[in-house]
PDB file of all heavy atoms in Angstrom:
ATOM      1  N   GLU A   1      -0.255  -6.718  -3.390  1.00  0.00           N
ATOM      2  CA  GLU A   1       1.164  -6.546  -3.123  1.00  0.00           C
ATOM      3  C   GLU A   1       1.338  -5.681  -1.891  1.00  0.00           C
ATOM      4  O   GLU A   1       0.480  -4.859  -1.578  1.00  0.00           O
ATOM      5  CB  GLU A   1       1.879  -5.917  -4.314  1.00  0.00           C
ATOM      6  CG  GLU A   1       1.446  -4.508  -4.625  1.00  0.00           C
ATOM      7  CD  GLU A   1       2.111  -3.933  -5.862  1.00  0.00           C
ATOM      8  OE1 GLU A   1       2.698  -4.700  -6.655  1.00  0.00           O
ATOM      9  OE2 GLU A   1       2.056  -2.707  -6.027  1.00  0.00           O
ATOM     10  N   VAL A   2       2.429  -5.900  -1.192  1.00  0.00           N
ATOM     11  CA  VAL A   2       2.730  -5.140   0.014  1.00  0.00           C
ATOM     12  C   VAL A   2       3.561  -3.926  -0.369  1.00  0.00           C
ATOM     13  O   VAL A   2       4.460  -4.018  -1.204  1.00  0.00           O
ATOM     14  CB  VAL A   2       3.512  -6.011   1.027  1.00  0.00           C
ATOM     15  CG1 VAL A   2       4.055  -5.174   2.167  1.00  0.00           C
ATOM     16  CG2 VAL A   2       2.626  -7.105   1.564  1.00  0.00           C
ATOM     17  N   ARG A   3       3.226  -2.820   0.248  1.00  0.00           N
ATOM     18  CA  ARG A   3       4.007  -1.596   0.094  1.00  0.00           C
ATOM     19  C   ARG A   3       4.282  -1.045   1.486  1.00  0.00           C
ATOM     20  O   ARG A   3       3.377  -0.926   2.298  1.00  0.00           O
ATOM     21  CB  ARG A   3       3.241  -0.551  -0.719  1.00  0.00           C
ATOM     22  CG  ARG A   3       2.990  -0.973  -2.136  1.00  0.00           C
ATOM     23  CD  ARG A   3       2.300   0.116  -2.888  1.00  0.00           C
ATOM     24  NE  ARG A   3       1.926  -0.339  -4.213  1.00  0.00           N
ATOM     25  CZ  ARG A   3       1.117   0.319  -5.012  1.00  0.00           C
ATOM     26  NH1 ARG A   3       0.590   1.463  -4.606  1.00  0.00           N
ATOM     27  NH2 ARG A   3       0.827  -0.146  -6.199  1.00  0.00           N
ATOM     28  N   TYR A   4       5.526  -0.730   1.729  1.00  0.00           N
ATOM     29  CA  TYR A   4       5.890  -0.109   2.990  1.00  0.00           C
ATOM     30  C   TYR A   4       6.012   1.385   2.740  1.00  0.00           C
ATOM     31  O   TYR A   4       6.794   1.809   1.897  1.00  0.00           O
ATOM     32  CB  TYR A   4       7.218  -0.684   3.511  1.00  0.00           C
ATOM     33  CG  TYR A   4       7.104  -2.139   3.859  1.00  0.00           C
ATOM     34  CD1 TYR A   4       7.443  -3.128   2.944  1.00  0.00           C
ATOM     35  CD2 TYR A   4       6.637  -2.533   5.108  1.00  0.00           C
ATOM     36  CE1 TYR A   4       7.327  -4.474   3.264  1.00  0.00           C
ATOM     37  CE2 TYR A   4       6.515  -3.875   5.439  1.00  0.00           C
ATOM     38  CZ  TYR A   4       6.864  -4.828   4.507  1.00  0.00           C
ATOM     39  OH  TYR A   4       6.736  -6.153   4.834  1.00  0.00           O
ATOM     40  N   GLN A   5       5.192   2.146   3.429  1.00  0.00           N
ATOM     41  CA  GLN A   5       5.214   3.589   3.225  1.00  0.00           C
ATOM     42  C   GLN A   5       4.832   4.309   4.511  1.00  0.00           C
ATOM     43  O   GLN A   5       4.283   3.725   5.425  1.00  0.00           O
ATOM     44  CB  GLN A   5       4.301   3.990   2.068  1.00  0.00           C
ATOM     45  CG  GLN A   5       2.855   3.582   2.219  1.00  0.00           C
ATOM     46  CD  GLN A   5       2.067   3.758   0.932  1.00  0.00           C
ATOM     47  OE1 GLN A   5       2.511   3.348  -0.127  1.00  0.00           O
ATOM     48  NE2 GLN A   5       0.913   4.374   1.038  1.00  0.00           N
ATOM     49  N   ARG A   6       5.113   5.564   4.517  1.00  0.00           N
ATOM     50  CA  ARG A   6       4.797   6.396   5.669  1.00  0.00           C
ATOM     51  C   ARG A   6       3.426   7.015   5.452  1.00  0.00           C
ATOM     52  O   ARG A   6       3.011   7.253   4.332  1.00  0.00           O
ATOM     53  CB  ARG A   6       5.841   7.501   5.800  1.00  0.00           C
ATOM     54  CG  ARG A   6       7.256   6.955   5.731  1.00  0.00           C
ATOM     55  CD  ARG A   6       8.061   6.961   6.983  1.00  0.00           C
ATOM     56  NE  ARG A   6       7.860   8.019   7.891  1.00  0.00           N
ATOM     57  CZ  ARG A   6       8.595   9.124   7.969  1.00  0.00           C
ATOM     58  NH1 ARG A   6       9.599   9.288   7.141  1.00  0.00           N
ATOM     59  NH2 ARG A   6       8.351  10.019   8.886  1.00  0.00           N
ATOM     60  N   ASP A   7       2.732   7.285   6.545  1.00  0.00           N
ATOM     61  CA  ASP A   7       1.450   7.981   6.455  1.00  0.00           C
ATOM     62  C   ASP A   7       1.663   9.342   5.816  1.00  0.00           C
ATOM     63  O   ASP A   7       2.628  10.041   6.132  1.00  0.00           O
ATOM     64  CB  ASP A   7       0.835   8.187   7.848  1.00  0.00           C
ATOM     65  CG  ASP A   7       0.295   6.906   8.432  1.00  0.00           C
ATOM     66  OD1 ASP A   7      -0.085   6.023   7.652  1.00  0.00           O
ATOM     67  OD2 ASP A   7       0.245   6.802   9.667  1.00  0.00           O
ATOM     68  N   LYS A   8       0.769   9.733   4.942  1.00  0.00           N
ATOM     69  CA  LYS A   8       0.911  11.020   4.252  1.00  0.00           C
ATOM     70  C   LYS A   8       0.927  12.194   5.222  1.00  0.00           C
ATOM     71  O   LYS A   8       1.667  13.147   5.047  1.00  0.00           O
ATOM     72  CB  LYS A   8      -0.205  11.176   3.224  1.00  0.00           C
ATOM     73  CG  LYS A   8      -0.065  10.223   2.077  1.00  0.00           C
ATOM     74  CD  LYS A   8      -1.204  10.309   1.111  1.00  0.00           C
ATOM     75  CE  LYS A   8      -0.980   9.268   0.033  1.00  0.00           C
ATOM     76  NZ  LYS A   8      -2.152   8.811  -0.600  1.00  0.00           N
ATOM     77  N   GLU A   9       0.095  12.119   6.268  1.00  0.00           N
ATOM     78  CA  GLU A   9       0.034  13.246   7.201  1.00  0.00           C
ATOM     79  C   GLU A   9       1.268  13.344   8.100  1.00  0.00           C
ATOM     80  O   GLU A   9       1.519  14.363   8.708  1.00  0.00           O
ATOM     81  CB  GLU A   9      -1.241  13.192   8.061  1.00  0.00           C
ATOM     82  CG  GLU A   9      -1.370  11.963   8.913  1.00  0.00           C
ATOM     83  CD  GLU A   9      -2.132  10.828   8.245  1.00  0.00           C
ATOM     84  OE1 GLU A   9      -2.389  10.904   7.034  1.00  0.00           O
ATOM     85  OE2 GLU A   9      -2.458   9.864   8.954  1.00  0.00           O
ATOM     86  N   HIS A  10       2.075  12.266   8.165  1.00  0.00           N
ATOM     87  CA  HIS A  10       3.280  12.276   8.990  1.00  0.00           C
ATOM     88  C   HIS A  10       4.541  12.062   8.153  1.00  0.00           C
ATOM     89  O   HIS A  10       5.586  11.719   8.693  1.00  0.00           O
ATOM     90  CB  HIS A  10       3.202  11.185  10.060  1.00  0.00           C
ATOM     91  CG  HIS A  10       2.029  11.329  10.975  1.00  0.00           C
ATOM     92  ND1 HIS A  10       1.918  12.348  11.882  1.00  0.00           N
ATOM     93  CD2 HIS A  10       0.901  10.604  11.100  1.00  0.00           C
ATOM     94  CE1 HIS A  10       0.787  12.236  12.545  1.00  0.00           C
ATOM     95  NE2 HIS A  10       0.139  11.183  12.078  1.00  0.00           N
ATOM     96  N   ALA A  11       4.464  12.283   6.871  1.00  0.00           N
ATOM     97  CA  ALA A  11       5.586  11.979   5.978  1.00  0.00           C
ATOM     98  C   ALA A  11       6.828  12.813   6.294  1.00  0.00           C
ATOM     99  O   ALA A  11       7.949  12.358   6.082  1.00  0.00           O
ATOM    100  CB  ALA A  11       5.172  12.193   4.527  1.00  0.00           C
ATOM    101  N   HIS A  12       6.644  14.009   6.816  1.00  0.00           N
ATOM    102  CA  HIS A  12       7.787  14.879   7.096  1.00  0.00           C
ATOM    103  C   HIS A  12       8.423  14.597   8.463  1.00  0.00           C
ATOM    104  O   HIS A  12       9.479  15.119   8.773  1.00  0.00           O
ATOM    105  CB  HIS A  12       7.352  16.338   7.025  1.00  0.00           C
ATOM    106  CG  HIS A  12       6.307  16.697   8.046  1.00  0.00           C
ATOM    107  ND1 HIS A  12       5.004  16.307   7.915  1.00  0.00           N
ATOM    108  CD2 HIS A  12       6.402  17.362   9.223  1.00  0.00           C
ATOM    109  CE1 HIS A  12       4.320  16.747   8.972  1.00  0.00           C
ATOM    110  NE2 HIS A  12       5.140  17.380   9.778  1.00  0.00           N
ATOM    111  N   GLU A  13       7.801  13.750   9.266  1.00  0.00           N
ATOM    112  CA  GLU A  13       8.300  13.426  10.601  1.00  0.00           C
ATOM    113  C   GLU A  13       9.091  12.127  10.569  1.00  0.00           C
ATOM    114  O   GLU A  13       8.816  11.244   9.769  1.00  0.00           O
ATOM    115  CB  GLU A  13       7.133  13.269  11.578  1.00  0.00           C
ATOM    116  CG  GLU A  13       6.284  14.496  11.729  1.00  0.00           C
ATOM    117  CD  GLU A  13       5.019  14.243  12.546  1.00  0.00           C
ATOM    118  OE1 GLU A  13       4.913  13.171  13.184  1.00  0.00           O
ATOM    119  OE2 GLU A  13       4.145  15.113  12.529  1.00  0.00           O
ATOM    120  N   PRO A  14      10.082  12.005  11.460  1.00  0.00           N
ATOM    121  CA  PRO A  14      10.797  10.728  11.519  1.00  0.00           C
ATOM    122  C   PRO A  14       9.885   9.629  12.052  1.00  0.00           C
ATOM    123  O   PRO A  14       8.953   9.890  12.802  1.00  0.00           O
ATOM    124  CB  PRO A  14      11.950  11.001  12.490  1.00  0.00           C
ATOM    125  CG  PRO A  14      11.582  12.227  13.238  1.00  0.00           C
ATOM    126  CD  PRO A  14      10.584  12.987  12.408  1.00  0.00           C
ATOM    127  N   GLY A  15      10.177   8.438  11.679  1.00  0.00           N
ATOM    128  CA  GLY A  15       9.371   7.302  12.123  1.00  0.00           C
ATOM    129  C   GLY A  15       9.477   6.170  11.136  1.00  0.00           C
ATOM    130  O   GLY A  15      10.087   6.291  10.083  1.00  0.00           O
ATOM    131  N   ARG A  16       8.838   5.077  11.466  1.00  0.00           N
ATOM    132  CA  ARG A  16       8.955   3.926  10.589  1.00  0.00           C
ATOM    133  C   ARG A  16       7.768   3.816   9.636  1.00  0.00           C
ATOM    134  O   ARG A  16       6.702   4.378   9.877  1.00  0.00           O
ATOM    135  CB  ARG A  16       9.129   2.652  11.366  1.00  0.00           C
ATOM    136  CG  ARG A  16       8.152   2.447  12.461  1.00  0.00           C
ATOM    137  CD  ARG A  16       8.512   1.219  13.243  1.00  0.00           C
ATOM    138  NE  ARG A  16       7.262   0.630  13.682  1.00  0.00           N
ATOM    139  CZ  ARG A  16       7.158  -0.386  14.473  1.00  0.00           C
ATOM    140  NH1 ARG A  16       8.222  -0.979  14.906  1.00  0.00           N
ATOM    141  NH2 ARG A  16       5.990  -0.838  14.823  1.00  0.00           N
ATOM    142  N   SER A  17       7.989   3.058   8.605  1.00  0.00           N
ATOM    143  CA  SER A  17       6.959   2.824   7.595  1.00  0.00           C
ATOM    144  C   SER A  17       5.910   1.864   8.124  1.00  0.00           C
ATOM    145  O   SER A  17       6.165   1.085   9.037  1.00  0.00           O
ATOM    146  CB  SER A  17       7.581   2.233   6.333  1.00  0.00           C
ATOM    147  OG  SER A  17       8.524   3.112   5.800  1.00  0.00           O
ATOM    148  N   ARG A  18       4.747   1.913   7.513  1.00  0.00           N
ATOM    149  CA  ARG A  18       3.660   0.997   7.850  1.00  0.00           C
ATOM    150  C   ARG A  18       3.394   0.093   6.651  1.00  0.00           C
ATOM    151  O   ARG A  18       3.757   0.405   5.533  1.00  0.00           O
ATOM    152  CB  ARG A  18       2.402   1.792   8.197  1.00  0.00           C
ATOM    153  CG  ARG A  18       2.581   2.603   9.465  1.00  0.00           C
ATOM    154  CD  ARG A  18       1.407   3.491   9.755  1.00  0.00           C
ATOM    155  NE  ARG A  18       0.193   2.700   9.937  1.00  0.00           N
ATOM    156  CZ  ARG A  18      -0.998   3.237  10.162  1.00  0.00           C
ATOM    157  NH1 ARG A  18      -1.152   4.530  10.226  1.00  0.00           N
ATOM    158  NH2 ARG A  18      -2.055   2.471  10.316  1.00  0.00           N
ATOM    159  N   VAL A  19       2.728  -1.016   6.918  1.00  0.00           N
ATOM    160  CA  VAL A  19       2.420  -1.987   5.867  1.00  0.00           C
ATOM    161  C   VAL A  19       1.093  -1.602   5.209  1.00  0.00           C
ATOM    162  O   VAL A  19       0.076  -1.477   5.881  1.00  0.00           O
ATOM    163  CB  VAL A  19       2.307  -3.412   6.443  1.00  0.00           C
ATOM    164  CG1 VAL A  19       1.950  -4.410   5.359  1.00  0.00           C
ATOM    165  CG2 VAL A  19       3.586  -3.808   7.144  1.00  0.00           C
ATOM    166  N   TYR A  20       1.139  -1.426   3.912  1.00  0.00           N
ATOM    167  CA  TYR A  20      -0.056  -1.139   3.114  1.00  0.00           C
ATOM    168  C   TYR A  20      -0.199  -2.228   2.060  1.00  0.00           C
ATOM    169  O   TYR A  20       0.779  -2.864   1.680  1.00  0.00           O
ATOM    170  CB  TYR A  20       0.072   0.228   2.429  1.00  0.00           C
ATOM    171  CG  TYR A  20      -0.086   1.393   3.370  1.00  0.00           C
ATOM    172  CD1 TYR A  20       0.944   1.782   4.210  1.00  0.00           C
ATOM    173  CD2 TYR A  20      -1.279   2.099   3.424  1.00  0.00           C
ATOM    174  CE1 TYR A  20       0.796   2.851   5.083  1.00  0.00           C
ATOM    175  CE2 TYR A  20      -1.444   3.173   4.283  1.00  0.00           C
ATOM    176  CZ  TYR A  20      -0.401   3.541   5.108  1.00  0.00           C
ATOM    177  OH  TYR A  20      -0.558   4.592   5.968  1.00  0.00           O
ATOM    178  N   PHE A  21      -1.415  -2.392   1.585  1.00  0.00           N
ATOM    179  CA  PHE A  21      -1.690  -3.409   0.565  1.00  0.00           C
ATOM    180  C   PHE A  21      -2.346  -2.753  -0.643  1.00  0.00           C
ATOM    181  O   PHE A  21      -3.221  -1.899  -0.493  1.00  0.00           O
ATOM    182  CB  PHE A  21      -2.612  -4.490   1.129  1.00  0.00           C
ATOM    183  CG  PHE A  21      -1.973  -5.300   2.210  1.00  0.00           C
ATOM    184  CD1 PHE A  21      -2.020  -4.894   3.538  1.00  0.00           C
ATOM    185  CD2 PHE A  21      -1.300  -6.473   1.907  1.00  0.00           C
ATOM    186  CE1 PHE A  21      -1.422  -5.637   4.536  1.00  0.00           C
ATOM    187  CE2 PHE A  21      -0.699  -7.223   2.904  1.00  0.00           C
ATOM    188  CZ  PHE A  21      -0.756  -6.803   4.220  1.00  0.00           C
ATOM    189  N   ALA A  22      -1.921  -3.167  -1.821  1.00  0.00           N
ATOM    190  CA  ALA A  22      -2.492  -2.664  -3.068  1.00  0.00           C
ATOM    191  C   ALA A  22      -2.840  -3.848  -3.959  1.00  0.00           C
ATOM    192  O   ALA A  22      -2.120  -4.848  -3.979  1.00  0.00           O
ATOM    193  CB  ALA A  22      -1.500  -1.751  -3.791  1.00  0.00           C
ATOM    194  N   PRO A  23      -3.931  -3.760  -4.703  1.00  0.00           N
ATOM    195  CA  PRO A  23      -4.300  -4.868  -5.592  1.00  0.00           C
ATOM    196  C   PRO A  23      -3.329  -4.971  -6.768  1.00  0.00           C
ATOM    197  O   PRO A  23      -2.828  -3.969  -7.256  1.00  0.00           O
ATOM    198  CB  PRO A  23      -5.701  -4.490  -6.070  1.00  0.00           C
ATOM    199  CG  PRO A  23      -5.774  -3.010  -5.921  1.00  0.00           C
ATOM    200  CD  PRO A  23      -4.882  -2.652  -4.771  1.00  0.00           C
ATOM    201  N   THR A  24      -3.075  -6.185  -7.191  1.00  0.00           N
ATOM    202  CA  THR A  24      -2.272  -6.404  -8.394  1.00  0.00           C
ATOM    203  C   THR A  24      -3.216  -6.463  -9.593  1.00  0.00           C
ATOM    204  O   THR A  24      -4.445  -6.515  -9.436  1.00  0.00           O
ATOM    205  CB  THR A  24      -1.496  -7.732  -8.293  1.00  0.00           C
ATOM    206  OG1 THR A  24      -2.447  -8.799  -8.191  1.00  0.00           O
ATOM    207  CG2 THR A  24      -0.550  -7.739  -7.108  1.00  0.00           C
ATOM    208  N   ASP A  25      -2.651  -6.480 -10.781  1.00  0.00           N
ATOM    209  CA  ASP A  25      -3.480  -6.644 -11.979  1.00  0.00           C
ATOM    210  C   ASP A  25      -4.244  -7.961 -11.924  1.00  0.00           C
ATOM    211  O   ASP A  25      -5.412  -8.027 -12.290  1.00  0.00           O
ATOM    212  CB  ASP A  25      -2.626  -6.589 -13.249  1.00  0.00           C
ATOM    213  CG  ASP A  25      -2.081  -5.197 -13.531  1.00  0.00           C
ATOM    214  OD1 ASP A  25      -2.634  -4.213 -12.985  1.00  0.00           O
ATOM    215  OD2 ASP A  25      -1.091  -5.092 -14.282  1.00  0.00           O
ATOM    216  N   LEU A  26      -3.564  -9.010 -11.455  1.00  0.00           N
ATOM    217  CA  LEU A  26      -4.216 -10.312 -11.322  1.00  0.00           C
ATOM    218  C   LEU A  26      -5.382 -10.225 -10.342  1.00  0.00           C
ATOM    219  O   LEU A  26      -6.453 -10.783 -10.585  1.00  0.00           O
ATOM    220  CB  LEU A  26      -3.207 -11.366 -10.863  1.00  0.00           C
ATOM    221  CG  LEU A  26      -3.731 -12.785 -10.668  1.00  0.00           C
ATOM    222  CD1 LEU A  26      -4.269 -13.360 -11.976  1.00  0.00           C
ATOM    223  CD2 LEU A  26      -2.632 -13.673 -10.102  1.00  0.00           C
ATOM    224  N   GLY A  27      -5.193  -9.520  -9.243  1.00  0.00           N
ATOM    225  CA  GLY A  27      -6.262  -9.341  -8.270  1.00  0.00           C
ATOM    226  C   GLY A  27      -7.465  -8.636  -8.859  1.00  0.00           C
ATOM    227  O   GLY A  27      -8.614  -9.012  -8.616  1.00  0.00           O
ATOM    228  N   ARG A  28      -7.203  -7.591  -9.641  1.00  0.00           N
ATOM    229  CA  ARG A  28      -8.312  -6.871 -10.292  1.00  0.00           C
ATOM    230  C   ARG A  28      -9.020  -7.764 -11.310  1.00  0.00           C
ATOM    231  O   ARG A  28     -10.228  -7.722 -11.449  1.00  0.00           O
ATOM    232  CB  ARG A  28      -7.797  -5.595 -10.952  1.00  0.00           C
ATOM    233  CG  ARG A  28      -7.371  -4.536  -9.957  1.00  0.00           C
ATOM    234  CD  ARG A  28      -6.898  -3.269 -10.673  1.00  0.00           C
ATOM    235  NE  ARG A  28      -6.301  -2.326  -9.764  1.00  0.00           N
ATOM    236  CZ  ARG A  28      -6.964  -1.471  -9.005  1.00  0.00           C
ATOM    237  NH1 ARG A  28      -8.277  -1.445  -9.047  1.00  0.00           N
ATOM    238  NH2 ARG A  28      -6.326  -0.633  -8.203  1.00  0.00           N
ATOM    239  N   GLU A  29      -8.239  -8.574 -12.023  1.00  0.00           N
ATOM    240  CA  GLU A  29      -8.828  -9.465 -13.031  1.00  0.00           C
ATOM    241  C   GLU A  29      -9.734 -10.511 -12.402  1.00  0.00           C
ATOM    242  O   GLU A  29     -10.794 -10.822 -12.944  1.00  0.00           O
ATOM    243  CB  GLU A  29      -7.733 -10.153 -13.844  1.00  0.00           C
ATOM    244  CG  GLU A  29      -7.102  -9.265 -14.876  1.00  0.00           C
ATOM    245  CD  GLU A  29      -6.037  -9.981 -15.680  1.00  0.00           C
ATOM    246  OE1 GLU A  29      -6.210 -11.190 -15.972  1.00  0.00           O
ATOM    247  OE2 GLU A  29      -5.044  -9.332 -16.023  1.00  0.00           O
ATOM    248  N   ILE A  30      -9.317 -11.050 -11.273  1.00  0.00           N
ATOM    249  CA  ILE A  30     -10.122 -12.113 -10.661  1.00  0.00           C
ATOM    250  C   ILE A  30     -11.475 -11.579 -10.215  1.00  0.00           C
ATOM    251  O   ILE A  30     -12.471 -12.286 -10.234  1.00  0.00           O
ATOM    252  CB  ILE A  30      -9.384 -12.813  -9.513  1.00  0.00           C
ATOM    253  CG1 ILE A  30     -10.039 -14.164  -9.253  1.00  0.00           C
ATOM    254  CG2 ILE A  30      -9.370 -11.987  -8.252  1.00  0.00           C
ATOM    255  CD1 ILE A  30      -9.244 -15.083  -8.393  1.00  0.00           C
ATOM    256  N   LEU A  31     -11.531 -10.312  -9.831  1.00  0.00           N
ATOM    257  CA  LEU A  31     -12.820  -9.729  -9.431  1.00  0.00           C
ATOM    258  C   LEU A  31     -13.748  -9.538 -10.628  1.00  0.00           C
ATOM    259  O   LEU A  31     -14.961  -9.489 -10.464  1.00  0.00           O
ATOM    260  CB  LEU A  31     -12.605  -8.392  -8.729  1.00  0.00           C
ATOM    261  CG  LEU A  31     -12.004  -8.490  -7.338  1.00  0.00           C
ATOM    262  CD1 LEU A  31     -11.791  -7.097  -6.767  1.00  0.00           C
ATOM    263  CD2 LEU A  31     -12.857  -9.323  -6.413  1.00  0.00           C
ATOM    264  N   ALA A  32     -13.177  -9.452 -11.808  1.00  0.00           N
ATOM    265  CA  ALA A  32     -13.983  -9.250 -13.007  1.00  0.00           C
ATOM    266  C   ALA A  32     -14.492 -10.559 -13.603  1.00  0.00           C
ATOM    267  O   ALA A  32     -15.287 -10.543 -14.538  1.00  0.00           O
ATOM    268  CB  ALA A  32     -13.160  -8.499 -14.057  1.00  0.00           C
ATOM    269  N   THR A  33     -14.065 -11.703 -13.059  1.00  0.00           N
ATOM    270  CA  THR A  33     -14.481 -12.984 -13.615  1.00  0.00           C
ATOM    271  C   THR A  33     -15.888 -13.351 -13.171  1.00  0.00           C
ATOM    272  O   THR A  33     -16.355 -12.941 -12.128  1.00  0.00           O
ATOM    273  CB  THR A  33     -13.520 -14.112 -13.205  1.00  0.00           C
ATOM    274  OG1 THR A  33     -13.513 -14.207 -11.794  1.00  0.00           O
ATOM    275  CG2 THR A  33     -12.139 -13.871 -13.748  1.00  0.00           C
TER     276      THR A  33
END
């Protein structure tokens, strides 16, 4: 899944979010097959 978030080290500064990716439950399950 896509998550738009700010870098932790720059969270207090103005600026735009970056695109991050996180595994879904389905993604984790497929690796276990």
